[in-house]
């Protein structure tokens, strides 16, 4: 876990398909490692919105950018 943290902490991370089941879980896992910026891409605006609300509640200090 320390090696993963070293790779993600403070870095910009892009997750494509972040609104889906696997992508959203990946976003949750990445957010736990305090990235510098978490950028989430998905074609579904409603899935992005729901994920953004959840991430904001769970990881309020992680900067996020949503793109549909």
Protein backbone atom coordinates (compact mmCIF):
# COMPACT_ATOMS: atom_id res chain seq x y z
CA UNK A 1 0.00 0.00 0.00
CA UNK A 2 2.90 2.35 0.70
CA UNK A 3 4.16 1.90 -2.86
CA UNK A 4 0.74 2.72 -4.26
CA UNK A 5 0.50 5.78 -2.01
CA UNK A 6 3.92 6.94 -3.25
CA UNK A 7 2.69 6.68 -6.86
CA UNK A 8 -0.62 8.51 -6.33
CA UNK A 9 -0.23 11.00 -3.48
CA UNK A 10 -0.08 14.54 -4.80
CA UNK A 11 -0.30 13.41 -8.45
CA UNK A 12 -2.97 14.21 -11.03
CA UNK A 13 -4.99 11.06 -11.74
CA UNK A 14 -7.41 10.57 -14.65
CA UNK A 15 -10.06 7.83 -14.51
CA UNK A 16 -11.99 7.25 -17.74
CA UNK A 17 -15.31 5.46 -17.35
CA UNK A 18 -15.40 6.70 -13.78
CA UNK A 19 -19.19 6.65 -13.59
CA UNK A 20 -19.44 2.89 -14.06
CA UNK A 21 -19.21 0.25 -11.36
CA UNK A 22 -15.49 -0.52 -11.78
CA UNK A 23 -14.48 3.06 -12.56
CA UNK A 24 -16.33 4.53 -9.60
CA UNK A 25 -14.72 2.02 -7.23
CA UNK A 26 -11.33 2.90 -8.71
CA UNK A 27 -12.09 6.57 -8.01
CA UNK A 28 -12.94 5.75 -4.39
CA UNK A 29 -9.69 3.81 -3.99
CA UNK A 30 -7.57 6.53 -5.64
CA UNK A 31 -9.22 9.28 -3.56
CA UNK A 32 -8.10 7.45 -0.42
CA UNK A 33 -4.46 8.03 -1.45
CA UNK A 34 -4.85 11.85 -1.56
CA UNK A 35 -4.13 12.65 -5.20
CA UNK A 36 -3.33 16.24 -6.16
CA UNK A 37 -6.29 16.20 -8.57
CA UNK A 38 -8.78 13.47 -9.46
CA UNK A 39 -10.22 13.89 -12.95
CA UNK A 40 -13.19 11.64 -13.73
CA UNK A 41 -14.46 11.11 -17.28
CA UNK A 42 -17.70 9.39 -18.28
CA UNK A 43 -20.41 9.71 -20.89
CA UNK A 44 -23.15 9.60 -18.26
CA UNK A 45 -23.63 12.98 -16.62
CA UNK A 46 -25.95 11.55 -13.96
CA UNK A 47 -23.39 8.90 -12.93
CA UNK A 48 -20.70 11.58 -12.69
CA UNK A 49 -22.97 13.75 -10.58
CA UNK A 50 -23.79 10.91 -8.18
CA UNK A 51 -20.12 9.96 -7.85
CA UNK A 52 -19.07 13.57 -7.30
CA UNK A 53 -21.59 13.97 -4.47
CA UNK A 54 -20.29 10.77 -2.85
CA UNK A 55 -16.61 11.72 -3.25
CA UNK A 56 -17.25 15.21 -1.89
CA UNK A 57 -18.91 13.73 1.19
CA UNK A 58 -16.33 11.00 1.76
CA UNK A 59 -13.14 12.79 0.65
CA UNK A 60 -13.86 16.54 0.96
CA UNK A 61 -10.21 17.59 0.68
CA UNK A 62 -9.50 15.77 -2.59
CA UNK A 63 -9.70 18.21 -5.53
CA UNK A 64 -11.96 16.84 -8.28
CA UNK A 65 -12.79 17.74 -11.85
CA UNK A 66 -15.77 16.15 -13.59
CA UNK A 67 -16.11 15.89 -17.37
CA UNK A 68 -18.88 14.24 -19.35
